[in-house]
Every structure is written in structure tokens, then in C-alpha cells.
Amino acid sequence: MANNSKEARDRAEASFKKQEQRAREGAKAMADYEAEGRAMREKTARLKSLRMAKQAAEKEDVAERGPK
């Protein structure tokens, strides 16, 4: 009887450890996902800013030279 109790406790502990590991992995995956999204938004904002600056410079250059 003591053997069955120990086996049941060992199985429960193993199951709990697996569940904890999955929770840690899930939290890490979510953090990675959020970091990638944040990096993508920052990159997009930077590229948009560069594009708008380029367009403004081109527009100013055309205004200085006059229409063709």
C-alpha cells in the first residue's frame, strides 16, 4: 500500500513539474512574440519616418527647381 501511495505521489509530482515547465515555456513564447511585434512596429515607424522625410525632400527639391 505504501508503494502505491509513493508511486501516485511521484506521478503527481512529475505531472506538476511538466505543467510548470509548460507554463514557463508558454510565458517565454508570449514574451518573445510580444518583443517581435514591438520590434516590427518600431521598424515600421522608423521606415515610415524615413520615407516621409525622403518624400518631403523630393517635394522641396521640385519646388525649388520649379515645375517641368
PDB file of N, CA and C in Angstrom:
ATOM      1  N   MET A   1       0.819  -1.190   0.000  1.00  0.00           N
ATOM      2  CA  MET A   1       0.000   0.000   0.000  1.00  0.00           C
ATOM      3  C   MET A   1       0.870   1.262   0.000  1.00  0.00           C
ATOM      4  N   ALA A   2       1.923   1.244   0.791  1.00  0.00           N
ATOM      5  CA  ALA A   2       2.825   2.396   0.835  1.00  0.00           C
ATOM      6  C   ALA A   2       3.473   2.608  -0.525  1.00  0.00           C
ATOM      7  N   ASN A   3       3.695   1.508  -1.238  1.00  0.00           N
ATOM      8  CA  ASN A   3       4.315   1.584  -2.556  1.00  0.00           C
ATOM      9  C   ASN A   3       3.403   2.299  -3.542  1.00  0.00           C
ATOM     10  N   ASN A   4       2.086   1.969  -3.503  1.00  0.00           N
ATOM     11  CA  ASN A   4       1.126   2.619  -4.389  1.00  0.00           C
ATOM     12  C   ASN A   4       1.029   4.108  -4.085  1.00  0.00           C
ATOM     13  N   SER A   5       1.070   4.441  -2.809  1.00  0.00           N
ATOM     14  CA  SER A   5       0.987   5.838  -2.404  1.00  0.00           C
ATOM     15  C   SER A   5       2.201   6.611  -2.905  1.00  0.00           C
ATOM     16  N   LYS A   6       3.372   6.015  -2.803  1.00  0.00           N
ATOM     17  CA  LYS A   6       4.592   6.671  -3.281  1.00  0.00           C
ATOM     18  C   LYS A   6       4.550   6.833  -4.792  1.00  0.00           C
ATOM     19  N   GLU A   7       4.107   5.807  -5.489  1.00  0.00           N
ATOM     20  CA  GLU A   7       4.011   5.883  -6.953  1.00  0.00           C
ATOM     21  C   GLU A   7       3.027   6.974  -7.373  1.00  0.00           C
ATOM     22  N   ALA A   8       1.907   7.040  -6.697  1.00  0.00           N
ATOM     23  CA  ALA A   8       0.903   8.061  -7.018  1.00  0.00           C
ATOM     24  C   ALA A   8       1.475   9.458  -6.768  1.00  0.00           C
ATOM     25  N   ARG A   9       2.186   9.623  -5.653  1.00  0.00           N
ATOM     26  CA  ARG A   9       2.800  10.917  -5.344  1.00  0.00           C
ATOM     27  C   ARG A   9       3.867  11.265  -6.389  1.00  0.00           C
ATOM     28  N   ASP A  10       4.671  10.286  -6.784  1.00  0.00           N
ATOM     29  CA  ASP A  10       5.707  10.515  -7.803  1.00  0.00           C
ATOM     30  C   ASP A  10       5.077  10.916  -9.139  1.00  0.00           C
ATOM     31  N   ARG A  11       3.990  10.240  -9.503  1.00  0.00           N
ATOM     32  CA  ARG A  11       3.301  10.604 -10.759  1.00  0.00           C
ATOM     33  C   ARG A  11       2.727  12.012 -10.670  1.00  0.00           C
ATOM     34  N   ALA A  12       2.143  12.337  -9.526  1.00  0.00           N
ATOM     35  CA  ALA A  12       1.563  13.673  -9.340  1.00  0.00           C
ATOM     36  C   ALA A  12       2.652  14.748  -9.408  1.00  0.00           C
ATOM     37  N   GLU A  13       3.793  14.478  -8.779  1.00  0.00           N
ATOM     38  CA  GLU A  13       4.892  15.438  -8.822  1.00  0.00           C
ATOM     39  C   GLU A  13       5.427  15.597 -10.238  1.00  0.00           C
ATOM     40  N   ALA A  14       5.565  14.497 -10.967  1.00  0.00           N
ATOM     41  CA  ALA A  14       6.043  14.558 -12.349  1.00  0.00           C
ATOM     42  C   ALA A  14       5.064  15.351 -13.216  1.00  0.00           C
ATOM     43  N   SER A  15       3.784  15.105 -13.016  1.00  0.00           N
ATOM     44  CA  SER A  15       2.759  15.829 -13.767  1.00  0.00           C
ATOM     45  C   SER A  15       2.811  17.323 -13.444  1.00  0.00           C
ATOM     46  N   PHE A  16       2.973  17.645 -12.177  1.00  0.00           N
ATOM     47  CA  PHE A  16       3.047  19.049 -11.756  1.00  0.00           C
ATOM     48  C   PHE A  16       4.270  19.726 -12.359  1.00  0.00           C
ATOM     49  N   LYS A  17       5.403  19.039 -12.351  1.00  0.00           N
ATOM     50  CA  LYS A  17       6.629  19.608 -12.925  1.00  0.00           C
ATOM     51  C   LYS A  17       6.476  19.854 -14.426  1.00  0.00           C
ATOM     52  N   LYS A  18       5.839  18.904 -15.121  1.00  0.00           N
ATOM     53  CA  LYS A  18       5.587  19.089 -16.556  1.00  0.00           C
ATOM     54  C   LYS A  18       4.695  20.298 -16.790  1.00  0.00           C
ATOM     55  N   GLN A  19       3.669  20.435 -15.969  1.00  0.00           N
ATOM     56  CA  GLN A  19       2.743  21.557 -16.100  1.00  0.00           C
ATOM     57  C   GLN A  19       3.468  22.879 -15.846  1.00  0.00           C
ATOM     58  N   GLU A  20       4.319  22.912 -14.825  1.00  0.00           N
ATOM     59  CA  GLU A  20       5.099  24.122 -14.549  1.00  0.00           C
ATOM     60  C   GLU A  20       6.021  24.459 -15.717  1.00  0.00           C
ATOM     61  N   GLN A  21       6.669  23.442 -16.274  1.00  0.00           N
ATOM     62  CA  GLN A  21       7.579  23.646 -17.411  1.00  0.00           C
ATOM     63  C   GLN A  21       6.811  24.214 -18.604  1.00  0.00           C
ATOM     64  N   ARG A  22       5.638  23.659 -18.882  1.00  0.00           N
ATOM     65  CA  ARG A  22       4.815  24.165 -19.989  1.00  0.00           C
ATOM     66  C   ARG A  22       4.418  25.621 -19.758  1.00  0.00           C
ATOM     67  N   ALA A  23       4.091  25.948 -18.520  1.00  0.00           N
ATOM     68  CA  ALA A  23       3.709  27.325 -18.194  1.00  0.00           C
ATOM     69  C   ALA A  23       4.888  28.268 -18.415  1.00  0.00           C
ATOM     70  N   ARG A  24       6.090  27.860 -17.992  1.00  0.00           N
ATOM     71  CA  ARG A  24       7.280  28.695 -18.208  1.00  0.00           C
ATOM     72  C   ARG A  24       7.565  28.872 -19.692  1.00  0.00           C
ATOM     73  N   GLU A  25       7.464  27.778 -20.446  1.00  0.00           N
ATOM     74  CA  GLU A  25       7.712  27.846 -21.883  1.00  0.00           C
ATOM     75  C   GLU A  25       6.669  28.728 -22.568  1.00  0.00           C
ATOM     76  N   GLY A  26       5.431  28.626 -22.125  1.00  0.00           N
ATOM     77  CA  GLY A  26       4.366  29.456 -22.700  1.00  0.00           C
ATOM     78  C   GLY A  26       4.598  30.931 -22.421  1.00  0.00           C
ATOM     79  N   ALA A  27       5.018  31.244 -21.198  1.00  0.00           N
ATOM     80  CA  ALA A  27       5.292  32.645 -20.846  1.00  0.00           C
ATOM     81  C   ALA A  27       6.459  33.179 -21.670  1.00  0.00           C
ATOM     82  N   LYS A  28       7.476  32.348 -21.866  1.00  0.00           N
ATOM     83  CA  LYS A  28       8.635  32.781 -22.658  1.00  0.00           C
ATOM     84  C   LYS A  28       8.225  32.989 -24.122  1.00  0.00           C
ATOM     85  N   ALA A  29       7.426  32.078 -24.643  1.00  0.00           N
ATOM     86  CA  ALA A  29       6.967  32.205 -26.028  1.00  0.00           C
ATOM     87  C   ALA A  29       6.149  33.482 -26.202  1.00  0.00           C
ATOM     88  N   MET A  30       5.296  33.795 -25.241  1.00  0.00           N
ATOM     89  CA  MET A  30       4.483  35.008 -25.317  1.00  0.00           C
ATOM     90  C   MET A  30       5.367  36.243 -25.254  1.00  0.00           C
ATOM     91  N   ALA A  31       6.368  36.230 -24.391  1.00  0.00           N
ATOM     92  CA  ALA A  31       7.284  37.367 -24.287  1.00  0.00           C
ATOM     93  C   ALA A  31       8.058  37.549 -25.597  1.00  0.00           C
ATOM     94  N   ASP A  32       8.488  36.448 -26.193  1.00  0.00           N
ATOM     95  CA  ASP A  32       9.195  36.523 -27.482  1.00  0.00           C
ATOM     96  C   ASP A  32       8.278  37.081 -28.568  1.00  0.00           C
ATOM     97  N   TYR A  33       7.038  36.609 -28.589  1.00  0.00           N
ATOM     98  CA  TYR A  33       6.056  37.068 -29.571  1.00  0.00           C
ATOM     99  C   TYR A  33       5.809  38.573 -29.435  1.00  0.00           C
ATOM    100  N   GLU A  34       5.642  39.020 -28.193  1.00  0.00           N
ATOM    101  CA  GLU A  34       5.401  40.442 -27.958  1.00  0.00           C
ATOM    102  C   GLU A  34       6.626  41.280 -28.329  1.00  0.00           C
ATOM    103  N   ALA A  35       7.825  40.779 -28.039  1.00  0.00           N
ATOM    104  CA  ALA A  35       9.053  41.500 -28.382  1.00  0.00           C
ATOM    105  C   ALA A  35       9.206  41.609 -29.900  1.00  0.00           C
ATOM    106  N   GLU A  36       8.885  40.542 -30.616  1.00  0.00           N
ATOM    107  CA  GLU A  36       8.956  40.583 -32.072  1.00  0.00           C
ATOM    108  C   GLU A  36       7.964  41.590 -32.636  1.00  0.00           C
ATOM    109  N   GLY A  37       6.757  41.618 -32.085  1.00  0.00           N
ATOM    110  CA  GLY A  37       5.744  42.575 -32.534  1.00  0.00           C
ATOM    111  C   GLY A  37       6.177  44.008 -32.277  1.00  0.00           C
ATOM    112  N   ARG A  38       6.747  44.238 -31.109  1.00  0.00           N
ATOM    113  CA  ARG A  38       7.223  45.581 -30.760  1.00  0.00           C
ATOM    114  C   ARG A  38       8.356  45.999 -31.707  1.00  0.00           C
ATOM    115  N   ALA A  39       9.283  45.091 -31.978  1.00  0.00           N
ATOM    116  CA  ALA A  39      10.389  45.389 -32.891  1.00  0.00           C
ATOM    117  C   ALA A  39       9.866  45.691 -34.292  1.00  0.00           C
ATOM    118  N   MET A  40       8.865  44.947 -34.727  1.00  0.00           N
ATOM    119  CA  MET A  40       8.286  45.162 -36.058  1.00  0.00           C
ATOM    120  C   MET A  40       7.618  46.538 -36.127  1.00  0.00           C
ATOM    121  N   ARG A  41       6.872  46.904 -35.083  1.00  0.00           N
ATOM    122  CA  ARG A  41       6.215  48.216 -35.082  1.00  0.00           C
ATOM    123  C   ARG A  41       7.243  49.353 -35.070  1.00  0.00           C
ATOM    124  N   GLU A  42       8.317  49.178 -34.294  1.00  0.00           N
ATOM    125  CA  GLU A  42       9.357  50.204 -34.250  1.00  0.00           C
ATOM    126  C   GLU A  42      10.046  50.344 -35.599  1.00  0.00           C
ATOM    127  N   LYS A  43      10.338  49.232 -36.231  1.00  0.00           N
ATOM    128  CA  LYS A  43      10.987  49.254 -37.548  1.00  0.00           C
ATOM    129  C   LYS A  43      10.070  49.905 -38.578  1.00  0.00           C
ATOM    130  N   THR A  44       8.792  49.555 -38.534  1.00  0.00           N
ATOM    131  CA  THR A  44       7.827  50.136 -39.467  1.00  0.00           C
ATOM    132  C   THR A  44       7.735  51.645 -39.276  1.00  0.00           C
ATOM    133  N   ALA A  45       7.701  52.097 -38.031  1.00  0.00           N
ATOM    134  CA  ALA A  45       7.631  53.531 -37.749  1.00  0.00           C
ATOM    135  C   ALA A  45       8.887  54.242 -38.248  1.00  0.00           C
ATOM    136  N   ARG A  46      10.042  53.618 -38.042  1.00  0.00           N
ATOM    137  CA  ARG A  46      11.304  54.222 -38.499  1.00  0.00           C
ATOM    138  C   ARG A  46      11.329  54.323 -40.024  1.00  0.00           C
ATOM    139  N   LEU A  47      10.931  53.259 -40.698  1.00  0.00           N
ATOM    140  CA  LEU A  47      10.924  53.277 -42.155  1.00  0.00           C
ATOM    141  C   LEU A  47       9.912  54.289 -42.699  1.00  0.00           C
ATOM    142  N   LYS A  48       8.767  54.398 -42.047  1.00  0.00           N
ATOM    143  CA  LYS A  48       7.758  55.373 -42.472  1.00  0.00           C
ATOM    144  C   LYS A  48       8.310  56.788 -42.325  1.00  0.00           C
ATOM    145  N   SER A  49       8.994  57.030 -41.224  1.00  0.00           N
ATOM    146  CA  SER A  49       9.586  58.345 -40.993  1.00  0.00           C
ATOM    147  C   SER A  49      10.620  58.666 -42.067  1.00  0.00           C
ATOM    148  N   LEU A  50      11.457  57.693 -42.391  1.00  0.00           N
ATOM    149  CA  LEU A  50      12.470  57.899 -43.439  1.00  0.00           C
ATOM    150  C   LEU A  50      11.811  58.154 -44.799  1.00  0.00           C
ATOM    151  N   ARG A  51      10.769  57.391 -45.098  1.00  0.00           N
ATOM    152  CA  ARG A  51      10.072  57.566 -46.376  1.00  0.00           C
ATOM    153  C   ARG A  51       9.438  58.948 -46.463  1.00  0.00           C
ATOM    154  N   MET A  52       8.802  59.372 -45.371  1.00  0.00           N
ATOM    155  CA  MET A  52       8.155  60.686 -45.377  1.00  0.00           C
ATOM    156  C   MET A  52       9.197  61.804 -45.497  1.00  0.00           C
ATOM    157  N   ALA A  53      10.340  61.654 -44.856  1.00  0.00           N
ATOM    158  CA  ALA A  53      11.404  62.655 -44.964  1.00  0.00           C
ATOM    159  C   ALA A  53      11.924  62.708 -46.391  1.00  0.00           C
ATOM    160  N   LYS A  54      12.078  61.551 -47.012  1.00  0.00           N
ATOM    161  CA  LYS A  54      12.544  61.499 -48.397  1.00  0.00           C
ATOM    162  C   LYS A  54      11.532  62.172 -49.322  1.00  0.00           C
ATOM    163  N   GLN A  55      10.255  61.875 -49.126  1.00  0.00           N
ATOM    164  CA  GLN A  55       9.221  62.481 -49.958  1.00  0.00           C
ATOM    165  C   GLN A  55       9.179  63.993 -49.770  1.00  0.00           C
ATOM    166  N   ALA A  56       9.336  64.463 -48.541  1.00  0.00           N
ATOM    167  CA  ALA A  56       9.333  65.902 -48.280  1.00  0.00           C
ATOM    168  C   ALA A  56      10.541  66.566 -48.936  1.00  0.00           C
ATOM    169  N   ALA A  57      11.693  65.896 -48.890  1.00  0.00           N
ATOM    170  CA  ALA A  57      12.894  66.445 -49.520  1.00  0.00           C
ATOM    171  C   ALA A  57      12.725  66.501 -51.031  1.00  0.00           C
ATOM    172  N   GLU A  58      12.139  65.466 -51.611  1.00  0.00           N
ATOM    173  CA  GLU A  58      11.902  65.453 -53.054  1.00  0.00           C
ATOM    174  C   GLU A  58      10.917  66.551 -53.457  1.00  0.00           C
ATOM    175  N   LYS A  59       9.883  66.723 -52.638  1.00  0.00           N
ATOM    176  CA  LYS A  59       8.883  67.755 -52.916  1.00  0.00           C
ATOM    177  C   LYS A  59       9.525  69.139 -52.834  1.00  0.00           C
ATOM    178  N   GLU A  60      10.368  69.342 -51.844  1.00  0.00           N
ATOM    179  CA  GLU A  60      11.058  70.622 -51.689  1.00  0.00           C
ATOM    180  C   GLU A  60      12.010  70.859 -52.854  1.00  0.00           C
ATOM    181  N   ASP A  61      12.684  69.811 -53.302  1.00  0.00           N
ATOM    182  CA  ASP A  61      13.613  69.912 -54.421  1.00  0.00           C
ATOM    183  C   ASP A  61      12.867  70.298 -55.699  1.00  0.00           C
ATOM    184  N   VAL A  62      11.710  69.703 -55.914  1.00  0.00           N
ATOM    185  CA  VAL A  62      10.898  70.026 -57.091  1.00  0.00           C
ATOM    186  C   VAL A  62      10.409  71.483 -56.999  1.00  0.00           C
ATOM    187  N   ALA A  63      10.030  71.912 -55.814  1.00  0.00           N
ATOM    188  CA  ALA A  63       9.544  73.278 -55.642  1.00  0.00           C
ATOM    189  C   ALA A  63      10.654  74.287 -55.913  1.00  0.00           C
ATOM    190  N   GLU A  64      11.865  73.966 -55.541  1.00  0.00           N
ATOM    191  CA  GLU A  64      12.986  74.874 -55.781  1.00  0.00           C
ATOM    192  C   GLU A  64      13.341  74.958 -57.268  1.00  0.00           C
ATOM    193  N   ARG A  65      13.255  73.840 -57.976  1.00  0.00           N
ATOM    194  CA  ARG A  65      13.592  73.820 -59.397  1.00  0.00           C
ATOM    195  C   ARG A  65      12.436  74.300 -60.273  1.00  0.00           C
ATOM    196  N   GLY A  66      11.264  74.251 -59.731  1.00  0.00           N
ATOM    197  CA  GLY A  66      10.099  74.650 -60.495  1.00  0.00           C
ATOM    198  C   GLY A  66       9.540  73.473 -61.263  1.00  0.00           C
ATOM    199  N   PRO A  67       8.310  73.623 -61.731  1.00  0.00           N
ATOM    200  CA  PRO A  67       7.682  72.518 -62.474  1.00  0.00           C
ATOM    201  C   PRO A  67       8.350  72.350 -63.831  1.00  0.00           C
ATOM    202  N   LYS A  68       8.280  71.160 -64.350  1.00  0.00           N
ATOM    203  CA  LYS A  68       8.898  70.850 -65.650  1.00  0.00           C
ATOM    204  C   LYS A  68       7.979  71.218 -66.776  1.00  0.00           C
TER     205      LYS A  68
END
